[in-house]
All heavy atoms as atom14 arrays in JSON, in Angstrom:
{
  "sequence": "SKVRHITTLAGYVHFLLTGVNAIGIGEASGMFPVDQDT",
  "atom14_mask": [
    [1, 1, 1, 1, 1, 1, 0, 0, 0, 0, 0, 0, 0, 0],
    [1, 1, 1, 1, 1, 1, 1, 1, 1, 0, 0, 0, 0, 0],
    [1, 1, 1, 1, 1, 1, 1, 0, 0, 0, 0, 0, 0, 0],
    [1, 1, 1, 1, 1, 1, 1, 1, 1, 1, 1, 0, 0, 0],
    [1, 1, 1, 1, 1, 1, 1, 1, 1, 1, 0, 0, 0, 0],
    [1, 1, 1, 1, 1, 1, 1, 1, 0, 0, 0, 0, 0, 0],
    [1, 1, 1, 1, 1, 1, 1, 0, 0, 0, 0, 0, 0, 0],
    [1, 1, 1, 1, 1, 1, 1, 0, 0, 0, 0, 0, 0, 0],
    [1, 1, 1, 1, 1, 1, 1, 1, 0, 0, 0, 0, 0, 0],
    [1, 1, 1, 1, 1, 0, 0, 0, 0, 0, 0, 0, 0, 0],
    [1, 1, 1, 1, 0, 0, 0, 0, 0, 0, 0, 0, 0, 0],
    [1, 1, 1, 1, 1, 1, 1, 1, 1, 1, 1, 1, 0, 0],
    [1, 1, 1, 1, 1, 1, 1, 0, 0, 0, 0, 0, 0, 0],
    [1, 1, 1, 1, 1, 1, 1, 1, 1, 1, 0, 0, 0, 0],
    [1, 1, 1, 1, 1, 1, 1, 1, 1, 1, 1, 0, 0, 0],
    [1, 1, 1, 1, 1, 1, 1, 1, 0, 0, 0, 0, 0, 0],
    [1, 1, 1, 1, 1, 1, 1, 1, 0, 0, 0, 0, 0, 0],
    [1, 1, 1, 1, 1, 1, 1, 0, 0, 0, 0, 0, 0, 0],
    [1, 1, 1, 1, 0, 0, 0, 0, 0, 0, 0, 0, 0, 0],
    [1, 1, 1, 1, 1, 1, 1, 0, 0, 0, 0, 0, 0, 0],
    [1, 1, 1, 1, 1, 1, 1, 1, 0, 0, 0, 0, 0, 0],
    [1, 1, 1, 1, 1, 0, 0, 0, 0, 0, 0, 0, 0, 0],
    [1, 1, 1, 1, 1, 1, 1, 1, 0, 0, 0, 0, 0, 0],
    [1, 1, 1, 1, 0, 0, 0, 0, 0, 0, 0, 0, 0, 0],
    [1, 1, 1, 1, 1, 1, 1, 1, 0, 0, 0, 0, 0, 0],
    [1, 1, 1, 1, 0, 0, 0, 0, 0, 0, 0, 0, 0, 0],
    [1, 1, 1, 1, 1, 1, 1, 1, 1, 0, 0, 0, 0, 0],
    [1, 1, 1, 1, 1, 0, 0, 0, 0, 0, 0, 0, 0, 0],
    [1, 1, 1, 1, 1, 1, 0, 0, 0, 0, 0, 0, 0, 0],
    [1, 1, 1, 1, 0, 0, 0, 0, 0, 0, 0, 0, 0, 0],
    [1, 1, 1, 1, 1, 1, 1, 1, 0, 0, 0, 0, 0, 0],
    [1, 1, 1, 1, 1, 1, 1, 1, 1, 1, 1, 0, 0, 0],
    [1, 1, 1, 1, 1, 1, 1, 0, 0, 0, 0, 0, 0, 0],
    [1, 1, 1, 1, 1, 1, 1, 0, 0, 0, 0, 0, 0, 0],
    [1, 1, 1, 1, 1, 1, 1, 1, 0, 0, 0, 0, 0, 0],
    [1, 1, 1, 1, 1, 1, 1, 1, 1, 0, 0, 0, 0, 0],
    [1, 1, 1, 1, 1, 1, 1, 1, 0, 0, 0, 0, 0, 0],
    [1, 1, 1, 1, 1, 1, 1, 0, 0, 0, 0, 0, 0, 0]
  ],
  "atom14_positions": [
    [[3.27, 15.65, 12.42], [2.01, 16.17, 11.87], [2.23, 17.24, 10.8], [1.31, 17.57, 10.06], [1.15, 16.75, 12.99], [1.79, 17.85, 13.61], [0.0, 0.0, 0.0], [0.0, 0.0, 0.0], [0.0, 0.0, 0.0], [0.0, 0.0, 0.0], [0.0, 0.0, 0.0], [0.0, 0.0, 0.0], [0.0, 0.0, 0.0], [0.0, 0.0, 0.0]],
    [[3.45, 17.76, 10.71], [3.74, 18.83, 9.74], [4.25, 18.3, 8.4], [4.38, 19.07, 7.45], [4.78, 19.79, 10.32], [4.36, 20.43, 11.64], [5.49, 21.28, 12.21], [5.14, 21.84, 13.59], [6.26, 22.6, 14.18], [0.0, 0.0, 0.0], [0.0, 0.0, 0.0], [0.0, 0.0, 0.0], [0.0, 0.0, 0.0], [0.0, 0.0, 0.0]],
    [[4.56, 17.0, 8.34], [5.16, 16.45, 7.12], [4.17, 16.5, 5.96], [3.05, 16.01, 6.07], [5.62, 15.0, 7.35], [6.17, 14.4, 6.05], [6.67, 14.92, 8.44], [0.0, 0.0, 0.0], [0.0, 0.0, 0.0], [0.0, 0.0, 0.0], [0.0, 0.0, 0.0], [0.0, 0.0, 0.0], [0.0, 0.0, 0.0], [0.0, 0.0, 0.0]],
    [[4.61, 17.11, 4.85], [3.8, 17.14, 3.64], [4.55, 16.62, 2.43], [3.96, 16.38, 1.37], [3.31, 18.57, 3.37], [2.24, 19.04, 4.35], [1.0, 18.17, 4.27], [-0.03, 18.53, 5.25], [-0.14, 18.02, 6.46], [0.75, 17.1, 6.88], [-1.09, 18.39, 7.28], [0.0, 0.0, 0.0], [0.0, 0.0, 0.0], [0.0, 0.0, 0.0]],
    [[5.87, 16.46, 2.56], [6.68, 15.86, 1.49], [7.8, 15.05, 2.13], [8.43, 15.51, 3.08], [7.33, 16.93, 0.6], [6.38, 17.9, -0.02], [5.57, 17.57, -1.08], [6.12, 19.2, 0.28], [4.85, 18.63, -1.42], [5.17, 19.62, -0.61], [0.0, 0.0, 0.0], [0.0, 0.0, 0.0], [0.0, 0.0, 0.0], [0.0, 0.0, 0.0]],
    [[8.01, 13.84, 1.63], [9.25, 13.13, 1.96], [9.9, 12.71, 0.65], [9.21, 12.39, -0.33], [9.03, 11.9, 2.87], [8.11, 10.87, 2.22], [8.49, 12.31, 4.23], [8.06, 9.55, 3.0], [0.0, 0.0, 0.0], [0.0, 0.0, 0.0], [0.0, 0.0, 0.0], [0.0, 0.0, 0.0], [0.0, 0.0, 0.0], [0.0, 0.0, 0.0]],
    [[11.21, 12.72, 0.62], [11.92, 12.35, -0.6], [13.32, 11.9, -0.24], [13.68, 11.79, 0.93], [11.93, 13.53, -1.6], [12.43, 13.07, -2.87], [12.8, 14.67, -1.12], [0.0, 0.0, 0.0], [0.0, 0.0, 0.0], [0.0, 0.0, 0.0], [0.0, 0.0, 0.0], [0.0, 0.0, 0.0], [0.0, 0.0, 0.0], [0.0, 0.0, 0.0]],
    [[14.09, 11.58, -1.27], [15.48, 11.18, -1.1], [16.39, 12.36, -1.44], [15.93, 13.39, -1.95], [15.83, 10.01, -2.02], [15.68, 10.44, -3.39], [14.91, 8.82, -1.77], [0.0, 0.0, 0.0], [0.0, 0.0, 0.0], [0.0, 0.0, 0.0], [0.0, 0.0, 0.0], [0.0, 0.0, 0.0], [0.0, 0.0, 0.0], [0.0, 0.0, 0.0]],
    [[17.68, 12.19, -1.21], [18.62, 13.27, -1.54], [18.6, 13.57, -3.03], [18.53, 14.74, -3.44], [20.03, 12.89, -1.08], [21.12, 13.94, -1.32], [20.78, 15.27, -0.65], [22.47, 13.42, -0.83], [0.0, 0.0, 0.0], [0.0, 0.0, 0.0], [0.0, 0.0, 0.0], [0.0, 0.0, 0.0], [0.0, 0.0, 0.0], [0.0, 0.0, 0.0]],
    [[18.64, 12.53, -3.86], [18.58, 12.75, -5.31], [17.27, 13.4, -5.7], [17.22, 14.31, -6.55], [18.78, 11.43, -6.06], [0.0, 0.0, 0.0], [0.0, 0.0, 0.0], [0.0, 0.0, 0.0], [0.0, 0.0, 0.0], [0.0, 0.0, 0.0], [0.0, 0.0, 0.0], [0.0, 0.0, 0.0], [0.0, 0.0, 0.0], [0.0, 0.0, 0.0]],
    [[16.17, 12.94, -5.09], [14.87, 13.51, -5.41], [14.78, 14.98, -5.05], [14.17, 15.78, -5.77], [0.0, 0.0, 0.0], [0.0, 0.0, 0.0], [0.0, 0.0, 0.0], [0.0, 0.0, 0.0], [0.0, 0.0, 0.0], [0.0, 0.0, 0.0], [0.0, 0.0, 0.0], [0.0, 0.0, 0.0], [0.0, 0.0, 0.0], [0.0, 0.0, 0.0]],
    [[15.4, 15.36, -3.93], [15.35, 16.75, -3.5], [16.17, 17.64, -4.43], [15.72, 18.71, -4.84], [15.86, 16.88, -2.07], [15.82, 18.3, -1.54], [14.64, 19.02, -1.52], [16.98, 18.92, -1.08], [14.59, 20.33, -1.04], [16.95, 20.22, -0.6], [15.76, 20.92, -0.58], [15.72, 22.21, -0.11], [0.0, 0.0, 0.0], [0.0, 0.0, 0.0]],
    [[17.38, 17.2, -4.79], [18.2, 18.0, -5.71], [17.5, 18.12, -7.06], [17.49, 19.2, -7.68], [19.61, 17.39, -5.85], [20.41, 18.15, -6.91], [20.34, 17.41, -4.51], [0.0, 0.0, 0.0], [0.0, 0.0, 0.0], [0.0, 0.0, 0.0], [0.0, 0.0, 0.0], [0.0, 0.0, 0.0], [0.0, 0.0, 0.0], [0.0, 0.0, 0.0]],
    [[16.91, 17.02, -7.53], [16.16, 17.06, -8.79], [15.03, 18.09, -8.69], [14.82, 18.87, -9.64], [15.59, 15.68, -9.09], [14.8, 15.6, -10.36], [15.35, 15.22, -11.57], [13.49, 15.88, -10.63], [14.43, 15.27, -12.51], [13.28, 15.65, -11.96], [0.0, 0.0, 0.0], [0.0, 0.0, 0.0], [0.0, 0.0, 0.0], [0.0, 0.0, 0.0]],
    [[14.33, 18.11, -7.58], [13.24, 19.07, -7.39], [13.77, 20.51, -7.4], [13.16, 21.4, -8.02], [12.52, 18.79, -6.08], [11.53, 19.84, -5.68], [10.31, 19.94, -6.32], [11.82, 20.74, -4.66], [9.4, 20.93, -5.97], [10.92, 21.72, -4.3], [9.7, 21.82, -4.95], [0.0, 0.0, 0.0], [0.0, 0.0, 0.0], [0.0, 0.0, 0.0]],
    [[14.89, 20.76, -6.74], [15.45, 22.1, -6.7], [15.84, 22.58, -8.1], [15.67, 23.76, -8.42], [16.68, 22.15, -5.8], [16.44, 22.0, -4.29], [17.77, 22.02, -3.55], [15.52, 23.1, -3.76], [0.0, 0.0, 0.0], [0.0, 0.0, 0.0], [0.0, 0.0, 0.0], [0.0, 0.0, 0.0], [0.0, 0.0, 0.0], [0.0, 0.0, 0.0]],
    [[16.34, 21.66, -8.92], [16.8, 22.05, -10.25], [15.68, 22.16, -11.27], [15.76, 22.97, -12.2], [17.85, 21.05, -10.75], [19.15, 20.98, -9.95], [20.06, 19.9, -10.51], [19.87, 22.33, -9.94], [0.0, 0.0, 0.0], [0.0, 0.0, 0.0], [0.0, 0.0, 0.0], [0.0, 0.0, 0.0], [0.0, 0.0, 0.0], [0.0, 0.0, 0.0]],
    [[14.62, 21.37, -11.12], [13.57, 21.3, -12.14], [12.2, 21.75, -11.67], [11.32, 22.01, -12.51], [13.43, 19.86, -12.67], [12.92, 19.03, -11.61], [14.77, 19.32, -13.15], [0.0, 0.0, 0.0], [0.0, 0.0, 0.0], [0.0, 0.0, 0.0], [0.0, 0.0, 0.0], [0.0, 0.0, 0.0], [0.0, 0.0, 0.0], [0.0, 0.0, 0.0]],
    [[11.98, 21.77, -10.36], [10.65, 22.05, -9.85], [9.71, 20.86, -9.94], [8.52, 20.98, -9.62], [0.0, 0.0, 0.0], [0.0, 0.0, 0.0], [0.0, 0.0, 0.0], [0.0, 0.0, 0.0], [0.0, 0.0, 0.0], [0.0, 0.0, 0.0], [0.0, 0.0, 0.0], [0.0, 0.0, 0.0], [0.0, 0.0, 0.0], [0.0, 0.0, 0.0]],
    [[10.22, 19.69, -10.36], [9.41, 18.49, -10.52], [9.66, 17.55, -9.35], [10.8, 17.14, -9.11], [9.74, 17.77, -11.85], [8.98, 16.45, -11.96], [9.4, 18.67, -13.03], [0.0, 0.0, 0.0], [0.0, 0.0, 0.0], [0.0, 0.0, 0.0], [0.0, 0.0, 0.0], [0.0, 0.0, 0.0], [0.0, 0.0, 0.0], [0.0, 0.0, 0.0]],
    [[8.6, 17.22, -8.62], [8.7, 16.32, -7.47], [8.41, 14.9, -7.94], [7.31, 14.37, -7.76], [7.72, 16.75, -6.38], [7.81, 15.88, -5.14], [8.84, 15.26, -4.88], [6.73, 15.83, -4.37], [0.0, 0.0, 0.0], [0.0, 0.0, 0.0], [0.0, 0.0, 0.0], [0.0, 0.0, 0.0], [0.0, 0.0, 0.0], [0.0, 0.0, 0.0]],
    [[9.42, 14.29, -8.57], [9.27, 12.94, -9.12], [10.62, 12.24, -9.06], [11.68, 12.89, -9.11], [8.77, 12.99, -10.55], [0.0, 0.0, 0.0], [0.0, 0.0, 0.0], [0.0, 0.0, 0.0], [0.0, 0.0, 0.0], [0.0, 0.0, 0.0], [0.0, 0.0, 0.0], [0.0, 0.0, 0.0], [0.0, 0.0, 0.0], [0.0, 0.0, 0.0]],
    [[10.59, 10.91, -8.95], [11.82, 10.12, -8.92], [11.64, 8.87, -9.77], [10.51, 8.46, -10.06], [12.21, 9.72, -7.48], [11.11, 8.9, -6.8], [12.54, 10.94, -6.64], [11.46, 8.43, -5.4], [0.0, 0.0, 0.0], [0.0, 0.0, 0.0], [0.0, 0.0, 0.0], [0.0, 0.0, 0.0], [0.0, 0.0, 0.0], [0.0, 0.0, 0.0]],
    [[12.75, 8.27, -10.17], [12.71, 7.03, -10.92], [12.21, 5.88, -10.07], [12.33, 5.89, -8.84], [0.0, 0.0, 0.0], [0.0, 0.0, 0.0], [0.0, 0.0, 0.0], [0.0, 0.0, 0.0], [0.0, 0.0, 0.0], [0.0, 0.0, 0.0], [0.0, 0.0, 0.0], [0.0, 0.0, 0.0], [0.0, 0.0, 0.0], [0.0, 0.0, 0.0]],
    [[11.7, 4.84, -10.72], [11.06, 3.74, -9.98], [12.06, 2.96, -9.14], [11.72, 2.45, -8.07], [10.3, 2.8, -10.94], [9.42, 1.83, -10.15], [11.24, 2.08, -11.9], [8.44, 1.05, -11.0], [0.0, 0.0, 0.0], [0.0, 0.0, 0.0], [0.0, 0.0, 0.0], [0.0, 0.0, 0.0], [0.0, 0.0, 0.0], [0.0, 0.0, 0.0]],
    [[13.3, 2.88, -9.59], [14.3, 2.21, -8.77], [14.53, 2.94, -7.46], [14.59, 2.33, -6.39], [0.0, 0.0, 0.0], [0.0, 0.0, 0.0], [0.0, 0.0, 0.0], [0.0, 0.0, 0.0], [0.0, 0.0, 0.0], [0.0, 0.0, 0.0], [0.0, 0.0, 0.0], [0.0, 0.0, 0.0], [0.0, 0.0, 0.0], [0.0, 0.0, 0.0]],
    [[14.62, 4.25, -7.53], [14.77, 5.08, -6.34], [13.5, 5.02, -5.48], [13.57, 4.92, -4.26], [15.06, 6.53, -6.76], [15.19, 7.51, -5.62], [16.56, 7.52, -4.96], [17.22, 6.47, -4.94], [16.97, 8.57, -4.45], [0.0, 0.0, 0.0], [0.0, 0.0, 0.0], [0.0, 0.0, 0.0], [0.0, 0.0, 0.0], [0.0, 0.0, 0.0]],
    [[12.35, 5.06, -6.14], [11.07, 5.01, -5.41], [10.92, 3.71, -4.64], [10.37, 3.69, -3.53], [9.91, 5.17, -6.39], [0.0, 0.0, 0.0], [0.0, 0.0, 0.0], [0.0, 0.0, 0.0], [0.0, 0.0, 0.0], [0.0, 0.0, 0.0], [0.0, 0.0, 0.0], [0.0, 0.0, 0.0], [0.0, 0.0, 0.0], [0.0, 0.0, 0.0]],
    [[11.44, 2.61, -5.2], [11.28, 1.31, -4.56], [12.08, 1.19, -3.27], [11.88, 0.23, -2.51], [11.68, 0.18, -5.52], [13.07, 0.22, -5.8], [0.0, 0.0, 0.0], [0.0, 0.0, 0.0], [0.0, 0.0, 0.0], [0.0, 0.0, 0.0], [0.0, 0.0, 0.0], [0.0, 0.0, 0.0], [0.0, 0.0, 0.0], [0.0, 0.0, 0.0]],
    [[12.96, 2.14, -2.99], [13.66, 2.21, -1.72], [13.01, 3.16, -0.74], [13.52, 3.34, 0.38], [0.0, 0.0, 0.0], [0.0, 0.0, 0.0], [0.0, 0.0, 0.0], [0.0, 0.0, 0.0], [0.0, 0.0, 0.0], [0.0, 0.0, 0.0], [0.0, 0.0, 0.0], [0.0, 0.0, 0.0], [0.0, 0.0, 0.0], [0.0, 0.0, 0.0]],
    [[11.93, 3.77, -1.16], [11.14, 4.62, -0.26], [9.92, 3.87, 0.26], [9.64, 3.86, 1.46], [10.69, 5.88, -0.99], [11.8, 6.84, -1.38], [11.13, 8.44, -1.92], [10.58, 9.13, -0.34], [0.0, 0.0, 0.0], [0.0, 0.0, 0.0], [0.0, 0.0, 0.0], [0.0, 0.0, 0.0], [0.0, 0.0, 0.0], [0.0, 0.0, 0.0]],
    [[9.18, 3.25, -0.68], [7.94, 2.55, -0.36], [7.8, 1.44, -1.4], [8.19, 1.62, -2.56], [6.76, 3.52, -0.43], [5.47, 2.98, 0.13], [5.11, 3.26, 1.45], [4.62, 2.2, -0.63], [3.93, 2.77, 1.99], [3.43, 1.69, -0.1], [3.09, 1.99, 1.21], [0.0, 0.0, 0.0], [0.0, 0.0, 0.0], [0.0, 0.0, 0.0]],
    [[7.24, 0.28, -1.07], [7.13, -0.81, -2.05], [6.38, -0.36, -3.3], [5.4, 0.39, -3.23], [6.33, -1.88, -1.3], [6.63, -1.63, 0.15], [6.75, -0.14, 0.27], [0.0, 0.0, 0.0], [0.0, 0.0, 0.0], [0.0, 0.0, 0.0], [0.0, 0.0, 0.0], [0.0, 0.0, 0.0], [0.0, 0.0, 0.0], [0.0, 0.0, 0.0]],
    [[6.86, -0.83, -4.45], [6.24, -0.48, -5.73], [5.59, -1.71, -6.34], [5.93, -2.85, -6.02], [7.26, 0.13, -6.71], [7.82, 1.43, -6.17], [8.38, -0.85, -7.03], [0.0, 0.0, 0.0], [0.0, 0.0, 0.0], [0.0, 0.0, 0.0], [0.0, 0.0, 0.0], [0.0, 0.0, 0.0], [0.0, 0.0, 0.0], [0.0, 0.0, 0.0]],
    [[4.65, -1.46, -7.24], [3.95, -2.51, -7.98], [4.59, -2.57, -9.37], [4.53, -1.6, -10.13], [2.46, -2.16, -8.08], [1.63, -3.24, -8.74], [2.14, -3.89, -9.68], [0.47, -3.42, -8.34], [0.0, 0.0, 0.0], [0.0, 0.0, 0.0], [0.0, 0.0, 0.0], [0.0, 0.0, 0.0], [0.0, 0.0, 0.0], [0.0, 0.0, 0.0]],
    [[5.21, -3.72, -9.7], [5.9, -3.83, -10.98], [4.95, -3.81, -12.17], [5.38, -3.56, -13.29], [6.76, -5.1, -11.03], [8.17, -4.93, -10.49], [8.24, -5.01, -8.97], [7.46, -5.74, -8.36], [9.15, -4.29, -8.36], [0.0, 0.0, 0.0], [0.0, 0.0, 0.0], [0.0, 0.0, 0.0], [0.0, 0.0, 0.0], [0.0, 0.0, 0.0]],
    [[3.66, -4.05, -11.94], [2.7, -4.03, -13.05], [2.21, -2.61, -13.34], [2.08, -2.22, -14.5], [1.5, -4.93, -12.72], [1.88, -6.4, -12.65], [2.77, -6.82, -13.42], [1.32, -7.12, -11.81], [0.0, 0.0, 0.0], [0.0, 0.0, 0.0], [0.0, 0.0, 0.0], [0.0, 0.0, 0.0], [0.0, 0.0, 0.0], [0.0, 0.0, 0.0]],
    [[1.93, -1.84, -12.28], [1.42, -0.49, -12.48], [2.52, 0.56, -12.52], [2.26, 1.71, -12.87], [0.44, -0.11, -11.35], [1.16, -0.08, -10.1], [-0.69, -1.13, -11.26], [0.0, 0.0, 0.0], [0.0, 0.0, 0.0], [0.0, 0.0, 0.0], [0.0, 0.0, 0.0], [0.0, 0.0, 0.0], [0.0, 0.0, 0.0], [0.0, 0.0, 0.0]]
  ]
}
């Protein structure tokens, strides 16, 4: 019930270095299914 962010190891290091909570679509597609059109 406390979870407010989930990410990958690369996503977390990227966030620590840039403050941006974002990942590439290839990495995202291993977290949750992605839509290739949107």
